[in-house]
Amino acid sequence: MIDKCDNNNLINPNWAKHGYIQVYTGNGKGKTTASLGLAMRALGRCWKVLIIMFTKGGDDYGELNSFMNLSESIKNNLTIVQAGLDRIVYSNNKSASDEIEIKKGWELAKKAISNDEYNLIILDEANIAIDLKILDVNEVIEVLKNKPADMEIVLTGRNAHPKIIEIAHLVSKIEPVKHYWDTGIAARKGIEY
């Protein structure tokens, strides 16, 4: 198999020169999953991809295992940053340490956006960080409005702020219709994480 990224032979060098802001929100399952599928698609087109996982630390995520086992040429186009502790953050358990980690991730995101370092940036669970008032929605909006024209940025997480929805070009609201969790089934490795 020919490694198109390794040969600097871009599959589609004339991709549309405009990047959009996408939001995946809602209470249903699949927001992060959708954004990571988009990351795989972009990597398959030799794009440089940054994924910042706000509120998510630790190494017990199947997607991290998969990304680390990609070919070297594809991995060279991928940066993953975990900007969270090894637990899920809610309004009733957020701590100063959570805020420090999330703000470190946001500083890195701002730098990557202003330096035009990536074609695609995924701000996983950024909506949660905004909802928890760890990230300031007005600052996030200002950064997004001033992003490079050809950079695609995705924000995931429940409770997307109305101001984020307003400036986004694409908003997908994933709502549950039925979920096996409701019958007491716990999160499963390989499916939920």
C-alpha atoms as a PDB file:
ATOM      1  CA  MET A   1       0.000   0.000   0.000  1.00  0.00           C
ATOM      2  CA  ILE A   2       1.314   3.471  -0.874  1.00  0.00           C
ATOM      3  CA  ASP A   3       1.512   5.861   2.059  1.00  0.00           C
ATOM      4  CA  LYS A   4       0.198   9.057   0.490  1.00  0.00           C
ATOM      5  CA  CYS A   5       0.968  11.239   3.512  1.00  0.00           C
ATOM      6  CA  ASP A   6       4.532   9.968   3.739  1.00  0.00           C
ATOM      7  CA  ASN A   7       5.230  11.000   0.147  1.00  0.00           C
ATOM      8  CA  ASN A   8       3.769  14.479   0.636  1.00  0.00           C
ATOM      9  CA  ASN A   9       1.354  13.501  -2.109  1.00  0.00           C
ATOM     10  CA  LEU A  10      -1.842  14.989  -0.736  1.00  0.00           C
ATOM     11  CA  ILE A  11      -4.928  13.124  -1.850  1.00  0.00           C
ATOM     12  CA  ASN A  12      -6.888  16.337  -2.308  1.00  0.00           C
ATOM     13  CA  PRO A  13      -4.524  19.316  -2.301  1.00  0.00           C
ATOM     14  CA  ASN A  14      -7.278  21.639  -3.528  1.00  0.00           C
ATOM     15  CA  TRP A  15      -9.753  21.015  -0.703  1.00  0.00           C
ATOM     16  CA  ALA A  16     -12.114  23.889  -0.133  1.00  0.00           C
ATOM     17  CA  LYS A  17     -10.095  26.733   1.324  1.00  0.00           C
ATOM     18  CA  HIS A  18     -12.618  27.594   3.976  1.00  0.00           C
ATOM     19  CA  GLY A  19     -12.898  26.036   7.399  1.00  0.00           C
ATOM     20  CA  TYR A  20     -16.028  26.049   9.482  1.00  0.00           C
ATOM     21  CA  ILE A  21     -17.010  25.855  13.126  1.00  0.00           C
ATOM     22  CA  GLN A  22     -18.893  22.680  13.994  1.00  0.00           C
ATOM     23  CA  VAL A  23     -20.709  21.867  17.227  1.00  0.00           C
ATOM     24  CA  TYR A  24     -21.823  18.408  18.363  1.00  0.00           C
ATOM     25  CA  THR A  25     -24.071  18.761  21.406  1.00  0.00           C
ATOM     26  CA  GLY A  26     -27.125  17.256  23.093  1.00  0.00           C
ATOM     27  CA  ASN A  27     -27.733  14.612  25.743  1.00  0.00           C
ATOM     28  CA  GLY A  28     -27.335  11.636  23.426  1.00  0.00           C
ATOM     29  CA  LYS A  29     -24.374   9.325  22.968  1.00  0.00           C
ATOM     30  CA  GLY A  30     -21.959   9.911  20.101  1.00  0.00           C
ATOM     31  CA  LYS A  31     -20.649  13.492  20.191  1.00  0.00           C
ATOM     32  CA  THR A  32     -17.011  12.615  20.832  1.00  0.00           C
ATOM     33  CA  THR A  33     -17.342   9.541  18.630  1.00  0.00           C
ATOM     34  CA  ALA A  34     -18.505  11.697  15.703  1.00  0.00           C
ATOM     35  CA  SER A  35     -15.657  14.169  16.146  1.00  0.00           C
ATOM     36  CA  LEU A  36     -13.067  11.384  16.305  1.00  0.00           C
ATOM     37  CA  GLY A  37     -14.487   9.866  13.137  1.00  0.00           C
ATOM     38  CA  LEU A  38     -13.990  13.265  11.515  1.00  0.00           C
ATOM     39  CA  ALA A  39     -10.400  13.287  12.819  1.00  0.00           C
ATOM     40  CA  MET A  40      -9.756   9.910  11.181  1.00  0.00           C
ATOM     41  CA  ARG A  41     -11.205  11.168   7.908  1.00  0.00           C
ATOM     42  CA  ALA A  42      -9.021  14.298   8.020  1.00  0.00           C
ATOM     43  CA  LEU A  43      -5.905  12.273   8.875  1.00  0.00           C
ATOM     44  CA  GLY A  44      -6.687  10.073   5.878  1.00  0.00           C
ATOM     45  CA  ARG A  45      -6.434  13.233   3.789  1.00  0.00           C
ATOM     46  CA  CYS A  46      -3.062  14.173   5.305  1.00  0.00           C
ATOM     47  CA  TRP A  47      -4.462  17.008   7.402  1.00  0.00           C
ATOM     48  CA  LYS A  48      -2.726  18.087  10.574  1.00  0.00           C
ATOM     49  CA  VAL A  49      -5.121  17.404  13.456  1.00  0.00           C
ATOM     50  CA  LEU A  50      -5.122  18.570  17.072  1.00  0.00           C
ATOM     51  CA  ILE A  51      -7.484  16.967  19.584  1.00  0.00           C
ATOM     52  CA  ILE A  52      -7.753  18.560  23.006  1.00  0.00           C
ATOM     53  CA  MET A  53      -9.767  16.451  25.423  1.00  0.00           C
ATOM     54  CA  PHE A  54     -11.124  18.855  28.040  1.00  0.00           C
ATOM     55  CA  THR A  55     -12.246  17.204  31.293  1.00  0.00           C
ATOM     56  CA  LYS A  56     -10.692  13.883  30.209  1.00  0.00           C
ATOM     57  CA  GLY A  57      -7.482  12.495  31.640  1.00  0.00           C
ATOM     58  CA  GLY A  58      -6.115   9.013  32.166  1.00  0.00           C
ATOM     59  CA  ASP A  59      -5.313   6.351  29.631  1.00  0.00           C
ATOM     60  CA  ASP A  60      -8.399   4.134  29.711  1.00  0.00           C
ATOM     61  CA  TYR A  61      -9.868   5.317  26.400  1.00  0.00           C
ATOM     62  CA  GLY A  62     -10.021   2.940  23.444  1.00  0.00           C
ATOM     63  CA  GLU A  63      -9.652   5.825  21.001  1.00  0.00           C
ATOM     64  CA  LEU A  64      -6.274   6.754  22.497  1.00  0.00           C
ATOM     65  CA  ASN A  65      -5.078   3.171  22.028  1.00  0.00           C
ATOM     66  CA  SER A  66      -6.224   3.225  18.406  1.00  0.00           C
ATOM     67  CA  PHE A  67      -4.636   6.574  17.603  1.00  0.00           C
ATOM     68  CA  MET A  68      -1.318   5.486  19.105  1.00  0.00           C
ATOM     69  CA  ASN A  69      -1.249   2.461  16.804  1.00  0.00           C
ATOM     70  CA  LEU A  70      -1.661   4.362  13.545  1.00  0.00           C
ATOM     71  CA  SER A  71       1.134   4.404  10.991  1.00  0.00           C
ATOM     72  CA  GLU A  72       3.999   6.749  11.815  1.00  0.00           C
ATOM     73  CA  SER A  73       3.236   9.072   8.904  1.00  0.00           C
ATOM     74  CA  ILE A  74      -0.353   9.476  10.063  1.00  0.00           C
ATOM     75  CA  LYS A  75       0.647   9.850  13.721  1.00  0.00           C
ATOM     76  CA  ASN A  76       3.045  12.626  12.657  1.00  0.00           C
ATOM     77  CA  ASN A  77      -0.029  14.665  11.671  1.00  0.00           C
ATOM     78  CA  LEU A  78      -1.852  14.049  14.962  1.00  0.00           C
ATOM     79  CA  THR A  79      -1.496  15.709  18.351  1.00  0.00           C
ATOM     80  CA  ILE A  80      -3.678  14.675  21.292  1.00  0.00           C
ATOM     81  CA  VAL A  81      -3.710  16.630  24.541  1.00  0.00           C
ATOM     82  CA  GLN A  82      -5.643  15.585  27.613  1.00  0.00           C
ATOM     83  CA  ALA A  83      -6.691  18.652  29.561  1.00  0.00           C
ATOM     84  CA  GLY A  84      -8.380  16.998  32.492  1.00  0.00           C
ATOM     85  CA  LEU A  85      -7.984  14.717  35.445  1.00  0.00           C
ATOM     86  CA  ASP A  86      -8.722  10.989  35.411  1.00  0.00           C
ATOM     87  CA  ARG A  87     -12.458  11.355  36.085  1.00  0.00           C
ATOM     88  CA  ILE A  88     -15.633  12.898  34.736  1.00  0.00           C
ATOM     89  CA  VAL A  89     -16.174  16.506  35.819  1.00  0.00           C
ATOM     90  CA  TYR A  90     -19.599  17.727  36.926  1.00  0.00           C
ATOM     91  CA  SER A  91     -20.709  20.938  38.597  1.00  0.00           C
ATOM     92  CA  ASN A  92     -20.760  19.190  41.977  1.00  0.00           C
ATOM     93  CA  ASN A  93     -17.236  17.750  41.811  1.00  0.00           C
ATOM     94  CA  LYS A  94     -15.179  20.292  39.840  1.00  0.00           C
ATOM     95  CA  SER A  95     -12.034  21.370  41.632  1.00  0.00           C
ATOM     96  CA  ALA A  96      -9.262  23.923  41.311  1.00  0.00           C
ATOM     97  CA  SER A  97      -7.117  21.163  39.768  1.00  0.00           C
ATOM     98  CA  ASP A  98      -9.756  20.595  37.069  1.00  0.00           C
ATOM     99  CA  GLU A  99      -9.756  24.290  36.283  1.00  0.00           C
ATOM    100  CA  ILE A 100      -5.945  24.375  36.027  1.00  0.00           C
ATOM    101  CA  GLU A 101      -5.853  21.437  33.590  1.00  0.00           C
ATOM    102  CA  ILE A 102      -8.696  22.763  31.452  1.00  0.00           C
ATOM    103  CA  LYS A 103      -7.176  26.248  31.284  1.00  0.00           C
ATOM    104  CA  LYS A 104      -3.802  24.773  30.256  1.00  0.00           C
ATOM    105  CA  GLY A 105      -5.575  22.998  27.408  1.00  0.00           C
ATOM    106  CA  TRP A 106      -7.334  26.218  26.409  1.00  0.00           C
ATOM    107  CA  GLU A 107      -4.047  28.135  26.327  1.00  0.00           C
ATOM    108  CA  LEU A 108      -2.618  25.472  24.031  1.00  0.00           C
ATOM    109  CA  ALA A 109      -5.721  25.661  21.813  1.00  0.00           C
ATOM    110  CA  LYS A 110      -5.481  29.454  21.548  1.00  0.00           C
ATOM    111  CA  LYS A 111      -1.802  29.218  20.574  1.00  0.00           C
ATOM    112  CA  ALA A 112      -2.461  26.520  17.970  1.00  0.00           C
ATOM    113  CA  ILE A 113      -5.319  28.535  16.480  1.00  0.00           C
ATOM    114  CA  SER A 114      -3.415  31.823  16.337  1.00  0.00           C
ATOM    115  CA  ASN A 115      -0.299  30.128  14.932  1.00  0.00           C
ATOM    116  CA  ASP A 116      -2.352  28.346  12.240  1.00  0.00           C
ATOM    117  CA  GLU A 117      -0.635  25.054  13.122  1.00  0.00           C
ATOM    118  CA  TYR A 118      -3.437  22.624  12.213  1.00  0.00           C
ATOM    119  CA  ASN A 119      -6.094  22.046   9.572  1.00  0.00           C
ATOM    120  CA  LEU A 120      -8.564  20.579  12.084  1.00  0.00           C
ATOM    121  CA  ILE A 121      -8.826  21.270  15.805  1.00  0.00           C
ATOM    122  CA  ILE A 122     -11.238  19.272  17.940  1.00  0.00           C
ATOM    123  CA  LEU A 123     -12.097  20.823  21.306  1.00  0.00           C
ATOM    124  CA  ASP A 124     -13.652  17.753  22.883  1.00  0.00           C
ATOM    125  CA  GLU A 125     -15.982  18.589  25.797  1.00  0.00           C
ATOM    126  CA  ALA A 126     -15.278  22.328  25.411  1.00  0.00           C
ATOM    127  CA  ASN A 127     -19.021  22.889  25.743  1.00  0.00           C
ATOM    128  CA  ILE A 128     -18.867  21.277  29.195  1.00  0.00           C
ATOM    129  CA  ALA A 129     -15.915  23.476  30.213  1.00  0.00           C
ATOM    130  CA  ILE A 130     -17.885  26.548  29.112  1.00  0.00           C
ATOM    131  CA  ASP A 131     -21.060  25.336  30.838  1.00  0.00           C
ATOM    132  CA  LEU A 132     -19.091  24.833  34.077  1.00  0.00           C
ATOM    133  CA  LYS A 133     -17.778  28.414  33.721  1.00  0.00           C
ATOM    134  CA  ILE A 134     -14.175  27.196  33.603  1.00  0.00           C
ATOM    135  CA  LEU A 135     -13.766  28.667  30.126  1.00  0.00           C
ATOM    136  CA  ASP A 136     -15.233  32.090  29.405  1.00  0.00           C
ATOM    137  CA  VAL A 137     -17.720  31.843  26.534  1.00  0.00           C
ATOM    138  CA  ASN A 138     -16.934  35.355  25.265  1.00  0.00           C
ATOM    139  CA  GLU A 139     -13.210  34.609  25.086  1.00  0.00           C
ATOM    140  CA  VAL A 140     -13.878  31.336  23.263  1.00  0.00           C
ATOM    141  CA  ILE A 141     -16.116  33.150  20.776  1.00  0.00           C
ATOM    142  CA  GLU A 142     -13.496  35.829  20.168  1.00  0.00           C
ATOM    143  CA  VAL A 143     -10.853  33.180  19.432  1.00  0.00           C
ATOM    144  CA  LEU A 144     -13.212  31.263  17.140  1.00  0.00           C
ATOM    145  CA  LYS A 145     -14.206  34.404  15.229  1.00  0.00           C
ATOM    146  CA  ASN A 146     -10.538  35.160  14.595  1.00  0.00           C
ATOM    147  CA  LYS A 147      -9.470  31.669  13.552  1.00  0.00           C
ATOM    148  CA  PRO A 148      -7.617  31.225  10.249  1.00  0.00           C
ATOM    149  CA  ALA A 149     -10.124  31.119   7.391  1.00  0.00           C
ATOM    150  CA  ASP A 150      -9.196  27.604   6.267  1.00  0.00           C
ATOM    151  CA  MET A 151      -9.087  25.992   9.738  1.00  0.00           C
ATOM    152  CA  GLU A 152     -11.929  23.676  10.780  1.00  0.00           C
ATOM    153  CA  ILE A 153     -12.784  23.701  14.494  1.00  0.00           C
ATOM    154  CA  VAL A 154     -15.133  21.296  16.273  1.00  0.00           C
ATOM    155  CA  LEU A 155     -16.544  21.730  19.776  1.00  0.00           C
ATOM    156  CA  THR A 156     -18.239  18.789  21.474  1.00  0.00           C
ATOM    157  CA  GLY A 157     -20.144  18.307  24.702  1.00  0.00           C
ATOM    158  CA  ARG A 158     -23.548  18.725  26.239  1.00  0.00           C
ATOM    159  CA  ASN A 159     -25.127  22.081  26.915  1.00  0.00           C
ATOM    160  CA  ALA A 160     -23.566  24.073  24.079  1.00  0.00           C
ATOM    161  CA  HIS A 161     -23.897  27.741  24.959  1.00  0.00           C
ATOM    162  CA  PRO A 162     -26.425  29.642  22.784  1.00  0.00           C
ATOM    163  CA  LYS A 163     -23.661  32.088  21.771  1.00  0.00           C
ATOM    164  CA  ILE A 164     -21.519  29.181  20.520  1.00  0.00           C
ATOM    165  CA  ILE A 165     -24.479  27.781  18.586  1.00  0.00           C
ATOM    166  CA  GLU A 166     -25.091  31.215  17.078  1.00  0.00           C
ATOM    167  CA  ILE A 167     -21.583  31.567  15.594  1.00  0.00           C
ATOM    168  CA  ALA A 168     -21.253  27.927  14.503  1.00  0.00           C
ATOM    169  CA  HIS A 169     -21.719  26.970  10.870  1.00  0.00           C
ATOM    170  CA  LEU A 170     -22.888  23.427  11.651  1.00  0.00           C
ATOM    171  CA  VAL A 171     -24.667  22.280  14.805  1.00  0.00           C
ATOM    172  CA  SER A 172     -25.689  18.677  15.393  1.00  0.00           C
ATOM    173  CA  LYS A 173     -27.846  18.043  18.435  1.00  0.00           C
ATOM    174  CA  ILE A 174     -27.679  14.404  19.417  1.00  0.00           C
ATOM    175  CA  GLU A 175     -30.686  13.463  21.526  1.00  0.00           C
ATOM    176  CA  PRO A 176     -31.371  10.096  23.145  1.00  0.00           C
ATOM    177  CA  VAL A 177     -34.384   8.146  21.999  1.00  0.00           C
ATOM    178  CA  LYS A 178     -33.492   4.963  23.855  1.00  0.00           C
ATOM    179  CA  HIS A 179     -30.360   3.949  25.775  1.00  0.00           C
ATOM    180  CA  TYR A 180     -29.436   0.681  27.468  1.00  0.00           C
ATOM    181  CA  TRP A 181     -28.009   2.695  30.385  1.00  0.00           C
ATOM    182  CA  ASP A 182     -31.621   3.304  31.391  1.00  0.00           C
ATOM    183  CA  THR A 183     -31.908  -0.419  32.180  1.00  0.00           C
ATOM    184  CA  GLY A 184     -28.844  -0.297  34.457  1.00  0.00           C
ATOM    185  CA  ILE A 185     -26.163  -1.361  31.972  1.00  0.00           C
ATOM    186  CA  ALA A 186     -22.874   0.361  32.815  1.00  0.00           C
ATOM    187  CA  ALA A 187     -20.433   1.991  30.378  1.00  0.00           C
ATOM    188  CA  ARG A 188     -18.638  -0.678  28.348  1.00  0.00           C
ATOM    189  CA  LYS A 189     -15.011  -0.764  27.173  1.00  0.00           C
ATOM    190  CA  GLY A 190     -14.836  -0.535  23.410  1.00  0.00           C
ATOM    191  CA  ILE A 191     -18.252   1.111  23.132  1.00  0.00           C
ATOM    192  CA  GLU A 192     -18.437   4.009  25.609  1.00  0.00           C
ATOM    193  CA  TYR A 193     -14.692   4.349  26.261  1.00  0.00           C
END
